[in-house]
C-alpha atoms as a PDB file:
ATOM      1  CA  MET A   1       6.018  -9.857 -17.206  1.00  0.00           C
ATOM      2  CA  GLU A   2       3.497  -6.338 -17.198  1.00  0.00           C
ATOM      3  CA  LEU A   3       0.724  -6.398 -14.234  1.00  0.00           C
ATOM      4  CA  SER A   4      -1.761  -6.723 -17.546  1.00  0.00           C
ATOM      5  CA  GLU A   5      -0.447 -10.143 -18.264  1.00  0.00           C
ATOM      6  CA  ILE A   6      -0.136 -11.558 -15.025  1.00  0.00           C
ATOM      7  CA  LEU A   7      -3.874 -10.293 -13.890  1.00  0.00           C
ATOM      8  CA  GLU A   8      -5.133 -11.305 -17.106  1.00  0.00           C
ATOM      9  CA  ILE A   9      -6.745 -14.435 -15.851  1.00  0.00           C
ATOM     10  CA  ILE A  10      -8.828 -12.134 -13.896  1.00  0.00           C
ATOM     11  CA  ALA A  11      -9.487  -9.384 -15.627  1.00  0.00           C
ATOM     12  CA  GLN A  12     -13.358  -9.946 -16.456  1.00  0.00           C
ATOM     13  CA  ASP A  13     -13.683  -9.971 -12.265  1.00  0.00           C
ATOM     14  CA  LEU A  14     -11.536  -6.515 -11.638  1.00  0.00           C
ATOM     15  CA  GLU A  15     -14.215  -4.963 -14.008  1.00  0.00           C
ATOM     16  CA  GLU A  16     -16.604  -6.757 -11.930  1.00  0.00           C
ATOM     17  CA  VAL A  17     -14.924  -4.655  -9.076  1.00  0.00           C
ATOM     18  CA  GLU A  18     -15.325  -1.710 -10.264  1.00  0.00           C
ATOM     19  CA  LYS A  19     -18.561  -2.152 -11.148  1.00  0.00           C
ATOM     20  CA  VAL A  20     -19.368  -2.350  -7.521  1.00  0.00           C
ATOM     21  CA  ILE A  21     -17.261   0.579  -6.494  1.00  0.00           C
ATOM     22  CA  GLU A  22     -19.044   3.135  -8.689  1.00  0.00           C
ATOM     23  CA  GLU A  23     -22.170   1.891  -7.370  1.00  0.00           C
ATOM     24  CA  ASN A  24     -21.122   1.817  -3.818  1.00  0.00           C
ATOM     25  CA  ILE A  25     -19.837   6.044  -4.362  1.00  0.00           C
ATOM     26  CA  GLN A  26     -22.609   7.054  -5.617  1.00  0.00           C
ATOM     27  CA  SER A  27     -24.312   9.791  -3.499  1.00  0.00           C
ATOM     28  CA  GLU A  28     -26.923  12.393  -2.989  1.00  0.00           C
ATOM     29  CA  VAL A  29     -24.665  15.390  -2.259  1.00  0.00           C
ATOM     30  CA  PRO A  30     -22.427  15.880  -6.054  1.00  0.00           C
ATOM     31  CA  LEU A  31     -18.995  16.447  -3.831  1.00  0.00           C
ATOM     32  CA  VAL A  32     -19.118  13.087  -2.242  1.00  0.00           C
ATOM     33  CA  TYR A  33     -19.236  11.489  -5.623  1.00  0.00           C
ATOM     34  CA  GLU A  34     -16.866  13.676  -7.184  1.00  0.00           C
ATOM     35  CA  ILE A  35     -14.253  13.266  -4.604  1.00  0.00           C
ATOM     36  CA  SER A  36     -14.574  10.209  -5.027  1.00  0.00           C
ATOM     37  CA  ARG A  37     -14.313   9.532  -8.665  1.00  0.00           C
ATOM     38  CA  TYR A  38     -11.372  11.595  -8.815  1.00  0.00           C
ATOM     39  CA  ILE A  39      -9.551   9.883  -6.534  1.00  0.00           C
ATOM     40  CA  LEU A  40     -10.261   6.325  -8.050  1.00  0.00           C
ATOM     41  CA  GLY A  41      -9.753   7.542 -11.576  1.00  0.00           C
ATOM     42  CA  SER A  42      -6.450   8.466 -10.394  1.00  0.00           C
ATOM     43  CA  GLY A  43      -4.398   5.134 -11.778  1.00  0.00           C
ATOM     44  CA  GLY A  44      -3.559   2.716  -8.785  1.00  0.00           C
ATOM     45  CA  LYS A  45      -2.297  -0.810  -9.526  1.00  0.00           C
ATOM     46  CA  ARG A  46      -5.318  -2.501  -7.884  1.00  0.00           C
ATOM     47  CA  LEU A  47      -3.240  -4.685  -6.326  1.00  0.00           C
ATOM     48  CA  ARG A  48      -5.677  -5.503  -3.251  1.00  0.00           C
ATOM     49  CA  PRO A  49      -8.068  -6.708  -4.888  1.00  0.00           C
ATOM     50  CA  SER A  50      -6.128  -9.072  -7.399  1.00  0.00           C
ATOM     51  CA  VAL A  51      -4.180 -10.673  -4.486  1.00  0.00           C
ATOM     52  CA  LEU A  52      -8.207 -11.513  -3.040  1.00  0.00           C
ATOM     53  CA  ILE A  53      -9.127 -12.530  -6.287  1.00  0.00           C
ATOM     54  CA  LEU A  54      -6.217 -14.612  -7.065  1.00  0.00           C
ATOM     55  CA  SER A  55      -5.677 -15.900  -3.411  1.00  0.00           C
ATOM     56  CA  SER A  56      -9.500 -17.382  -4.032  1.00  0.00           C
ATOM     57  CA  GLY A  57      -8.968 -18.755  -6.732  1.00  0.00           C
ATOM     58  CA  THR A  58      -5.837 -20.195  -5.663  1.00  0.00           C
ATOM     59  CA  CYS A  59      -7.734 -22.002  -3.536  1.00  0.00           C
ATOM     60  CA  GLY A  60     -10.102 -23.679  -5.866  1.00  0.00           C
ATOM     61  CA  VAL A  61     -12.849 -20.950  -5.799  1.00  0.00           C
ATOM     62  CA  ASP A  62     -12.846 -18.680  -8.859  1.00  0.00           C
ATOM     63  CA  LYS A  63     -16.421 -17.185  -8.927  1.00  0.00           C
ATOM     64  CA  GLY A  64     -19.022 -15.306  -6.842  1.00  0.00           C
ATOM     65  CA  MET A  65     -20.508 -12.270  -5.221  1.00  0.00           C
ATOM     66  CA  GLU A  66     -18.352 -13.008  -1.935  1.00  0.00           C
ATOM     67  CA  ILE A  67     -15.224 -12.185  -3.690  1.00  0.00           C
ATOM     68  CA  ILE A  68     -16.532  -9.266  -6.224  1.00  0.00           C
ATOM     69  CA  ALA A  69     -18.029  -7.476  -2.568  1.00  0.00           C
ATOM     70  CA  SER A  70     -14.966  -8.642  -0.992  1.00  0.00           C
ATOM     71  CA  ALA A  71     -12.591  -6.907  -3.241  1.00  0.00           C
ATOM     72  CA  ALA A  72     -14.445  -3.785  -4.067  1.00  0.00           C
ATOM     73  CA  ALA A  73     -14.721  -3.330  -0.042  1.00  0.00           C
ATOM     74  CA  LEU A  74     -10.629  -3.700   0.242  1.00  0.00           C
ATOM     75  CA  GLU A  75     -10.062  -1.163  -2.106  1.00  0.00           C
ATOM     76  CA  LEU A  76     -12.114   1.376  -0.957  1.00  0.00           C
ATOM     77  CA  ILE A  77     -10.580   1.292   2.363  1.00  0.00           C
ATOM     78  CA  HIS A  78      -7.628   1.261   0.784  1.00  0.00           C
ATOM     79  CA  THR A  79      -8.565   5.037  -0.930  1.00  0.00           C
ATOM     80  CA  ALA A  80     -10.099   6.088   2.008  1.00  0.00           C
ATOM     81  CA  THR A  81      -7.072   6.135   3.921  1.00  0.00           C
ATOM     82  CA  LEU A  82      -5.297   7.927   0.999  1.00  0.00           C
ATOM     83  CA  LEU A  83      -7.411  10.673   1.494  1.00  0.00           C
ATOM     84  CA  HIS A  84      -6.875  10.748   4.911  1.00  0.00           C
ATOM     85  CA  ASP A  85      -2.751  10.325   4.527  1.00  0.00           C
ATOM     86  CA  ASP A  86      -3.104  13.276   2.099  1.00  0.00           C
ATOM     87  CA  VAL A  87      -4.368  15.665   4.693  1.00  0.00           C
ATOM     88  CA  VAL A  88      -2.220  14.598   6.868  1.00  0.00           C
ATOM     89  CA  ASP A  89       1.066  14.543   5.671  1.00  0.00           C
ATOM     90  CA  GLU A  90      -0.125  17.666   3.786  1.00  0.00           C
ATOM     91  CA  ALA A  91       0.740  15.787   0.495  1.00  0.00           C
ATOM     92  CA  ASN A  92       0.548  18.298  -3.017  1.00  0.00           C
ATOM     93  CA  LEU A  93       0.503  15.345  -5.228  1.00  0.00           C
ATOM     94  CA  ARG A  94      -1.360  11.532  -5.133  1.00  0.00           C
ATOM     95  CA  ARG A  95      -0.362   9.297  -8.229  1.00  0.00           C
ATOM     96  CA  GLY A  96       0.521  12.265 -10.945  1.00  0.00           C
ATOM     97  CA  LYS A  97      -2.380  14.208  -9.768  1.00  0.00           C
ATOM     98  CA  THR A  98      -3.090  17.287  -7.920  1.00  0.00           C
ATOM     99  CA  ALA A  99      -3.783  15.887  -4.404  1.00  0.00           C
ATOM    100  CA  SER A 100      -7.631  16.011  -3.371  1.00  0.00           C
ATOM    101  CA  ASN A 101      -7.206  18.057  -0.289  1.00  0.00           C
ATOM    102  CA  VAL A 102      -5.477  20.798  -1.978  1.00  0.00           C
ATOM    103  CA  ILE A 103      -8.698  20.620  -4.385  1.00  0.00           C
ATOM    104  CA  TRP A 104     -11.987  20.507  -2.124  1.00  0.00           C
ATOM    105  CA  GLY A 105      -9.290  21.284   1.223  1.00  0.00           C
ATOM    106  CA  ASN A 106      -9.176  18.802   4.137  1.00  0.00           C
ATOM    107  CA  LYS A 107     -12.548  18.707   5.552  1.00  0.00           C
ATOM    108  CA  ALA A 108     -13.976  17.611   2.173  1.00  0.00           C
ATOM    109  CA  SER A 109     -11.511  15.333   1.512  1.00  0.00           C
ATOM    110  CA  VAL A 110     -11.492  13.058   5.230  1.00  0.00           C
ATOM    111  CA  LEU A 111     -15.406  13.054   5.405  1.00  0.00           C
ATOM    112  CA  VAL A 112     -15.321  11.056   2.097  1.00  0.00           C
ATOM    113  CA  GLY A 113     -12.740   9.300   3.455  1.00  0.00           C
ATOM    114  CA  ASP A 114     -15.033   8.621   6.207  1.00  0.00           C
ATOM    115  CA  PHE A 115     -18.209   7.479   3.620  1.00  0.00           C
ATOM    116  CA  MET A 116     -15.694   5.046   1.534  1.00  0.00           C
ATOM    117  CA  LEU A 117     -14.866   3.037   5.577  1.00  0.00           C
ATOM    118  CA  ALA A 118     -18.548   3.310   5.560  1.00  0.00           C
ATOM    119  CA  ARG A 119     -19.065   2.141   2.149  1.00  0.00           C
ATOM    120  CA  ALA A 120     -16.930  -0.581   2.750  1.00  0.00           C
ATOM    121  CA  LEU A 121     -17.753  -1.358   5.833  1.00  0.00           C
ATOM    122  CA  GLY A 122     -21.711  -2.360   3.969  1.00  0.00           C
ATOM    123  CA  LEU A 123     -20.071  -4.356   1.536  1.00  0.00           C
ATOM    124  CA  ILE A 124     -18.529  -6.188   3.798  1.00  0.00           C
ATOM    125  CA  GLN A 125     -21.196  -7.582   6.154  1.00  0.00           C
ATOM    126  CA  SER A 126     -23.389  -7.577   2.974  1.00  0.00           C
ATOM    127  CA  CYS A 127     -21.245 -11.128   2.951  1.00  0.00           C
ATOM    128  CA  GLY A 128     -22.419 -12.491   5.774  1.00  0.00           C
ATOM    129  CA  ASN A 129     -19.323 -14.126   6.859  1.00  0.00           C
ATOM    130  CA  LEU A 130     -17.969 -12.814  10.456  1.00  0.00           C
ATOM    131  CA  GLU A 131     -14.752 -14.787  10.129  1.00  0.00           C
ATOM    132  CA  LEU A 132     -14.558 -12.401   7.200  1.00  0.00           C
ATOM    133  CA  ILE A 133     -15.610  -9.217   8.641  1.00  0.00           C
ATOM    134  CA  LYS A 134     -13.301  -9.985  11.681  1.00  0.00           C
ATOM    135  CA  ALA A 135     -10.305 -10.127   9.212  1.00  0.00           C
ATOM    136  CA  VAL A 136     -10.632  -6.920   7.351  1.00  0.00           C
ATOM    137  CA  THR A 137     -11.556  -5.007  10.490  1.00  0.00           C
ATOM    138  CA  ASP A 138      -8.132  -5.971  12.165  1.00  0.00           C
ATOM    139  CA  ALA A 139      -6.211  -5.013   9.239  1.00  0.00           C
ATOM    140  CA  ALA A 140      -8.314  -1.568   9.532  1.00  0.00           C
ATOM    141  CA  ALA A 141      -7.333  -1.257  12.782  1.00  0.00           C
ATOM    142  CA  LYS A 142      -3.787  -2.269  12.398  1.00  0.00           C
ATOM    143  CA  LEU A 143      -3.706   0.061   9.048  1.00  0.00           C
ATOM    144  CA  ALA A 144      -4.443   2.959  11.934  1.00  0.00           C
ATOM    145  CA  GLU A 145      -2.194   2.536  14.327  1.00  0.00           C
ATOM    146  CA  GLY A 146       0.316   2.334  11.251  1.00  0.00           C
ATOM    147  CA  GLN A 147      -0.635   6.410  10.579  1.00  0.00           C
ATOM    148  CA  VAL A 148      -0.302   7.299  13.796  1.00  0.00           C
ATOM    149  CA  LEU A 149       3.512   5.835  14.135  1.00  0.00           C
ATOM    150  CA  GLU A 150       4.329   7.387  10.965  1.00  0.00           C
ATOM    151  CA  VAL A 151       3.631  10.647  12.545  1.00  0.00           C
ATOM    152  CA  MET A 152       5.050   9.665  15.784  1.00  0.00           C
ATOM    153  CA  SER A 153       8.520   8.956  14.390  1.00  0.00           C
ATOM    154  CA  GLY A 154       8.045  12.071  12.068  1.00  0.00           C
ATOM    155  CA  GLN A 155       7.748  14.200  15.404  1.00  0.00           C
ATOM    156  CA  SER A 156      10.483  12.355  17.157  1.00  0.00           C
ATOM    157  CA  MET A 157       7.976  10.904  19.764  1.00  0.00           C
ATOM    158  CA  ILE A 158       9.433   7.462  18.900  1.00  0.00           C
ATOM    159  CA  GLU A 159      13.371   7.407  17.819  1.00  0.00           C
ATOM    160  CA  LEU A 160      13.349   6.322  14.107  1.00  0.00           C
ATOM    161  CA  SER A 161      15.702   2.816  13.414  1.00  0.00           C
ATOM    162  CA  GLU A 162      15.175  -0.299  11.059  1.00  0.00           C
ATOM    163  CA  LYS A 163      12.491  -1.756  13.552  1.00  0.00           C
ATOM    164  CA  VAL A 164      10.213   0.982  13.381  1.00  0.00           C
ATOM    165  CA  CYS A 165       9.837   1.773  10.058  1.00  0.00           C
ATOM    166  CA  PHE A 166       9.605  -1.813   9.463  1.00  0.00           C
ATOM    167  CA  ASP A 167       6.617  -2.092  11.747  1.00  0.00           C
ATOM    168  CA  ILE A 168       4.800   1.357   9.809  1.00  0.00           C
ATOM    169  CA  ILE A 169       5.199  -0.785   7.012  1.00  0.00           C
ATOM    170  CA  GLU A 170       3.851  -3.587   8.980  1.00  0.00           C
ATOM    171  CA  HIS A 171       0.975  -2.035  10.088  1.00  0.00           C
ATOM    172  CA  LYS A 172       0.043   0.401   7.329  1.00  0.00           C
ATOM    173  CA  THR A 173       0.443  -1.243   4.017  1.00  0.00           C
ATOM    174  CA  ALA A 174       0.905  -4.907   4.171  1.00  0.00           C
ATOM    175  CA  SER A 175      -1.606  -5.811   7.170  1.00  0.00           C
ATOM    176  CA  LEU A 176      -4.407  -4.452   4.409  1.00  0.00           C
ATOM    177  CA  ILE A 177      -2.881  -6.701   1.647  1.00  0.00           C
ATOM    178  CA  GLU A 178      -2.484  -9.597   3.967  1.00  0.00           C
ATOM    179  CA  SER A 179      -6.344  -9.240   4.561  1.00  0.00           C
ATOM    180  CA  CYS A 180      -6.903  -9.398   1.252  1.00  0.00           C
ATOM    181  CA  GLY A 181      -5.231 -12.837   1.221  1.00  0.00           C
ATOM    182  CA  LYS A 182      -6.938 -14.056   4.261  1.00  0.00           C
ATOM    183  CA  VAL A 183      -9.827 -13.016   2.724  1.00  0.00           C
ATOM    184  CA  GLY A 184      -9.693 -14.678  -0.492  1.00  0.00           C
ATOM    185  CA  ALA A 185      -9.006 -18.031   1.686  1.00  0.00           C
ATOM    186  CA  ILE A 186     -11.667 -18.038   3.725  1.00  0.00           C
ATOM    187  CA  ILE A 187     -14.472 -16.978   1.191  1.00  0.00           C
ATOM    188  CA  ALA A 188     -12.738 -20.681  -0.785  1.00  0.00           C
ATOM    189  CA  GLY A 189     -13.591 -22.287   2.605  1.00  0.00           C
ATOM    190  CA  ALA A 190      -9.825 -23.422   3.340  1.00  0.00           C
ATOM    191  CA  ARG A 191      -8.062 -25.049   6.090  1.00  0.00           C
ATOM    192  CA  GLU A 192      -6.939 -22.770   9.022  1.00  0.00           C
ATOM    193  CA  ASP A 193      -3.031 -24.042   7.244  1.00  0.00           C
ATOM    194  CA  VAL A 194      -3.859 -22.381   4.166  1.00  0.00           C
ATOM    195  CA  LYS A 195      -5.469 -18.920   5.219  1.00  0.00           C
ATOM    196  CA  GLU A 196      -2.570 -18.655   6.682  1.00  0.00           C
ATOM    197  CA  ALA A 197      -0.121 -19.646   4.168  1.00  0.00           C
ATOM    198  CA  ILE A 198      -1.668 -17.083   2.010  1.00  0.00           C
ATOM    199  CA  GLY A 199      -2.199 -14.413   4.909  1.00  0.00           C
ATOM    200  CA  ASN A 200       1.539 -14.811   4.894  1.00  0.00           C
ATOM    201  CA  TYR A 201       2.356 -14.297   1.320  1.00  0.00           C
ATOM    202  CA  GLY A 202      -0.009 -10.658   1.469  1.00  0.00           C
ATOM    203  CA  LEU A 203       1.726  -9.716   4.463  1.00  0.00           C
ATOM    204  CA  ASN A 204       5.659 -10.660   2.746  1.00  0.00           C
ATOM    205  CA  LEU A 205       4.376  -9.761  -0.666  1.00  0.00           C
ATOM    206  CA  GLY A 206       2.844  -5.952   1.112  1.00  0.00           C
ATOM    207  CA  ILE A 207       6.143  -5.076   2.825  1.00  0.00           C
ATOM    208  CA  ALA A 208       7.979  -5.600  -0.608  1.00  0.00           C
ATOM    209  CA  PHE A 209       6.068  -3.746  -2.323  1.00  0.00           C
ATOM    210  CA  GLN A 210       6.187  -0.854   0.528  1.00  0.00           C
ATOM    211  CA  LEU A 211       9.928  -1.324   0.035  1.00  0.00           C
ATOM    212  CA  VAL A 212      10.138  -0.779  -3.871  1.00  0.00           C
ATOM    213  CA  ASP A 213       8.025   2.501  -2.782  1.00  0.00           C
ATOM    214  CA  ASP A 214      10.651   3.504  -0.615  1.00  0.00           C
ATOM    215  CA  ALA A 215      13.161   3.499  -2.808  1.00  0.00           C
ATOM    216  CA  LEU A 216      11.860   4.929  -6.241  1.00  0.00           C
ATOM    217  CA  ASP A 217      10.866   7.396  -4.256  1.00  0.00           C
ATOM    218  CA  TYR A 218      14.420   8.220  -3.657  1.00  0.00           C
ATOM    219  CA  SER A 219      15.484   6.766  -7.162  1.00  0.00           C
ATOM    220  CA  SER A 220      12.841   7.733  -9.627  1.00  0.00           C
ATOM    221  CA  LYS A 221      11.724  10.742 -11.750  1.00  0.00           C
ATOM    222  CA  GLU A 222       8.059  12.719 -10.769  1.00  0.00           C
ATOM    223  CA  GLU A 223       6.122  11.253 -13.891  1.00  0.00           C
ATOM    224  CA  GLU A 224       7.213   7.696 -13.392  1.00  0.00           C
ATOM    225  CA  VAL A 225       5.853   7.395  -9.530  1.00  0.00           C
ATOM    226  CA  GLY A 226       3.421  10.223  -9.698  1.00  0.00           C
ATOM    227  CA  LYS A 227       4.595  12.523  -6.565  1.00  0.00           C
ATOM    228  CA  GLY A 228       8.049  14.638  -6.107  1.00  0.00           C
ATOM    229  CA  VAL A 229      11.241  13.109  -5.538  1.00  0.00           C
ATOM    230  CA  CYS A 230      12.245  12.765  -2.106  1.00  0.00           C
ATOM    231  CA  GLN A 231       8.326  13.558  -1.793  1.00  0.00           C
ATOM    232  CA  ASP A 232       8.414  11.284   1.644  1.00  0.00           C
ATOM    233  CA  PHE A 233      11.811  13.238   3.062  1.00  0.00           C
ATOM    234  CA  LYS A 234       9.987  16.287   2.302  1.00  0.00           C
ATOM    235  CA  GLU A 235       6.940  15.194   4.522  1.00  0.00           C
ATOM    236  CA  GLY A 236       8.833  14.153   7.465  1.00  0.00           C
ATOM    237  CA  LYS A 237       8.964  10.330   6.811  1.00  0.00           C
ATOM    238  CA  ILE A 238      12.280   8.785   7.129  1.00  0.00           C
ATOM    239  CA  THR A 239      12.093   5.975   5.376  1.00  0.00           C
ATOM    240  CA  LEU A 240      14.446   2.858   5.337  1.00  0.00           C
ATOM    241  CA  PRO A 241      16.813   4.193   2.184  1.00  0.00           C
ATOM    242  CA  LEU A 242      17.939   6.906   4.415  1.00  0.00           C
ATOM    243  CA  VAL A 243      17.790   4.933   7.797  1.00  0.00           C
ATOM    244  CA  TYR A 244      20.375   2.462   5.566  1.00  0.00           C
ATOM    245  CA  ALA A 245      22.004   5.409   4.242  1.00  0.00           C
ATOM    246  CA  LEU A 246      22.358   7.518   7.732  1.00  0.00           C
ATOM    247  CA  ARG A 247      24.283   4.036   9.212  1.00  0.00           C
ATOM    248  CA  ARG A 248      27.300   4.515   6.560  1.00  0.00           C
ATOM    249  CA  ALA A 249      27.074   8.169   6.959  1.00  0.00           C
ATOM    250  CA  SER A 250      30.111   9.844   8.291  1.00  0.00           C
ATOM    251  CA  THR A 251      30.255  11.812  11.351  1.00  0.00           C
ATOM    252  CA  ARG A 252      30.244  15.082   9.757  1.00  0.00           C
ATOM    253  CA  GLU A 253      27.439  13.440   7.210  1.00  0.00           C
ATOM    254  CA  LYS A 254      25.164  12.498  10.029  1.00  0.00           C
ATOM    255  CA  THR A 255      25.310  16.219  12.017  1.00  0.00           C
ATOM    256  CA  ARG A 256      24.309  17.452   8.859  1.00  0.00           C
ATOM    257  CA  LEU A 257      21.710  15.308   7.673  1.00  0.00           C
ATOM    258  CA  ILE A 258      19.798  15.528  11.135  1.00  0.00           C
ATOM    259  CA  GLU A 259      19.922  19.827  11.066  1.00  0.00           C
ATOM    260  CA  ILE A 260      18.119  19.348   7.661  1.00  0.00           C
ATOM    261  CA  LEU A 261      15.544  17.149   8.994  1.00  0.00           C
ATOM    262  CA  GLN A 262      14.972  18.855  12.012  1.00  0.00           C
ATOM    263  CA  ARG A 263      13.984  22.050   9.697  1.00  0.00           C
ATOM    264  CA  ASP A 264      10.230  23.059   8.601  1.00  0.00           C
ATOM    265  CA  GLY A 265      11.320  23.491   4.754  1.00  0.00           C
ATOM    266  CA  PHE A 266      14.361  22.594   2.553  1.00  0.00           C
ATOM    267  CA  LYS A 267      16.064  23.997   0.120  1.00  0.00           C
ATOM    268  CA  ASN A 268      17.408  22.305  -2.677  1.00  0.00           C
ATOM    269  CA  GLU A 269      21.291  21.992  -2.332  1.00  0.00           C
ATOM    270  CA  GLU A 270      19.564  20.450   0.592  1.00  0.00           C
ATOM    271  CA  LEU A 271      17.839  17.618  -0.716  1.00  0.00           C
ATOM    272  CA  ASP A 272      20.433  17.601  -3.274  1.00  0.00           C
ATOM    273  CA  PHE A 273      22.698  16.693  -0.361  1.00  0.00           C
ATOM    274  CA  VAL A 274      20.378  14.040   0.990  1.00  0.00           C
ATOM    275  CA  LEU A 275      20.162  12.176  -2.276  1.00  0.00           C
ATOM    276  CA  ASN A 276      23.417  12.119  -2.331  1.00  0.00           C
ATOM    277  CA  VAL A 277      24.338  10.591   0.996  1.00  0.00           C
ATOM    278  CA  VAL A 278      21.623   7.865   0.114  1.00  0.00           C
ATOM    279  CA  GLU A 279      23.093   7.161  -3.529  1.00  0.00           C
ATOM    280  CA  LYS A 280      26.750   7.654  -2.373  1.00  0.00           C
ATOM    281  CA  TYR A 281      26.359   5.004   0.698  1.00  0.00           C
ATOM    282  CA  LYS A 282      24.021   2.840  -1.667  1.00  0.00           C
ATOM    283  CA  GLY A 283      20.302   2.941   0.847  1.00  0.00           C
ATOM    284  CA  VAL A 284      18.197   2.703  -2.040  1.00  0.00           C
ATOM    285  CA  GLU A 285      20.158  -0.831  -3.629  1.00  0.00           C
ATOM    286  CA  GLN A 286      19.969  -2.369   0.202  1.00  0.00           C
ATOM    287  CA  THR A 287      16.662  -1.773   0.531  1.00  0.00           C
ATOM    288  CA  LYS A 288      15.900  -3.275  -2.715  1.00  0.00           C
ATOM    289  CA  THR A 289      17.592  -6.400  -2.108  1.00  0.00           C
ATOM    290  CA  GLU A 290      15.506  -6.390   1.604  1.00  0.00           C
ATOM    291  CA  ALA A 291      12.249  -6.001  -0.716  1.00  0.00           C
ATOM    292  CA  LYS A 292      13.926  -9.110  -2.761  1.00  0.00           C
ATOM    293  CA  LYS A 293      14.047 -11.115   0.551  1.00  0.00           C
ATOM    294  CA  PHE A 294      10.055 -10.527   1.325  1.00  0.00           C
ATOM    295  CA  ALA A 295       8.906 -11.208  -2.559  1.00  0.00           C
ATOM    296  CA  ASP A 296      10.870 -14.719  -2.168  1.00  0.00           C
ATOM    297  CA  LYS A 297       9.330 -15.101   1.412  1.00  0.00           C
ATOM    298  CA  ALA A 298       5.738 -14.188  -0.227  1.00  0.00           C
ATOM    299  CA  ARG A 299       6.402 -17.089  -2.676  1.00  0.00           C
ATOM    300  CA  SER A 300       8.001 -19.465  -0.774  1.00  0.00           C
ATOM    301  CA  SER A 301       4.815 -18.890   1.709  1.00  0.00           C
ATOM    302  CA  ILE A 302       2.107 -20.597  -0.839  1.00  0.00           C
ATOM    303  CA  SER A 303       4.686 -23.277  -2.360  1.00  0.00           C
ATOM    304  CA  ASN A 304       3.192 -26.183  -1.019  1.00  0.00           C
ATOM    305  CA  LEU A 305      -0.233 -25.177  -2.496  1.00  0.00           C
ATOM    306  CA  PRO A 306      -1.817 -27.092  -5.372  1.00  0.00           C
ATOM    307  CA  ALA A 307      -0.625 -25.841  -8.800  1.00  0.00           C
ATOM    308  CA  ASN A 308      -3.227 -24.008 -10.154  1.00  0.00           C
ATOM    309  CA  ASN A 309      -3.089 -21.070 -12.755  1.00  0.00           C
ATOM    310  CA  HIS A 310      -4.422 -18.381  -9.796  1.00  0.00           C
ATOM    311  CA  LYS A 311      -1.368 -19.303  -7.810  1.00  0.00           C
ATOM    312  CA  SER A 312       0.748 -18.814 -10.728  1.00  0.00           C
ATOM    313  CA  SER A 313      -0.311 -15.184 -11.002  1.00  0.00           C
ATOM    314  CA  LEU A 314       0.469 -15.217  -7.225  1.00  0.00           C
ATOM    315  CA  GLN A 315       4.038 -16.409  -7.900  1.00  0.00           C
ATOM    316  CA  ASP A 316       4.442 -13.655 -11.027  1.00  0.00           C
ATOM    317  CA  LEU A 317       3.097 -10.697  -8.952  1.00  0.00           C
ATOM    318  CA  ALA A 318       5.792 -11.147  -6.356  1.00  0.00           C
ATOM    319  CA  ASP A 319       8.063 -10.969  -8.990  1.00  0.00           C
ATOM    320  CA  TYR A 320       6.445  -7.621 -11.015  1.00  0.00           C
ATOM    321  CA  VAL A 321       6.604  -6.232  -7.045  1.00  0.00           C
ATOM    322  CA  VAL A 322      10.361  -6.375  -6.687  1.00  0.00           C
ATOM    323  CA  GLU A 323      11.078  -5.640 -10.434  1.00  0.00           C
ATOM    324  CA  ARG A 324       8.314  -2.039 -11.042  1.00  0.00           C
ATOM    325  CA  ARG A 325       9.757   0.913 -11.845  1.00  0.00           C
ATOM    326  CA  THR A 326       6.442   2.898 -10.969  1.00  0.00           C
END
């Protein structure tokens, strides 16, 4: 099933979210709007606002400005982190387009990210719900911790392992999607057990989503994923496909991989060697298998909630996340 079909039930709500985002990136400083509009217009699946709106609908509330404002805020937080990420990673591409930091420089990109965070917090504050504010700010703090963990792993400040990879994923990606589920349930006035269930859905969906992203980095073409193949590896990020391959690689292969990892730049034949090792030891396949497990956990998390169309869309979204090719 295509993503547009899954989200058809909330298509009008997502249009309202886009309007609120547009209102909140307006600025008297032209460059602020220019950069904001550029990255927001670069595509993106709007996964986070979709999870929030569907979660609220699953709990019986499918309309209201609190839903729209919160969904817009969480997408702005996510987009701000992309601007910051590209600076930290010295990225050249974002969603198939030249990264903002390449066009406008690091300083402007970071500051516009800060602007988006401020606008997001204003939207969250306007909802007037302290529990909602805490859920979002806790997730934002956890996300920042994930970014620091990733930097530490890239600089060999901590030993890389499967656990560290999952810690980074949970903090950096899944925490915000978990928050989207919780916020939707909070707005709907759901019971504590329901908030926890939908939060767990978001957490597991977020982990599955990132695992597929990591797998696609080693197995897709640039035009499909909107960034260079092996881009994470080039930026010093060691993700699970390579970790799983390293476990099975021969001593000679491990030694060469470590030598390559310790260099600042890579030759084409070295990248080919990395790709061949990941393919040989089925690192991508194992990562996708793990993603399927977390998608199943996401569906299971909400299996006991009353059936409605919004819940069905959440279940379909879990399938889409692991089946997607972009």
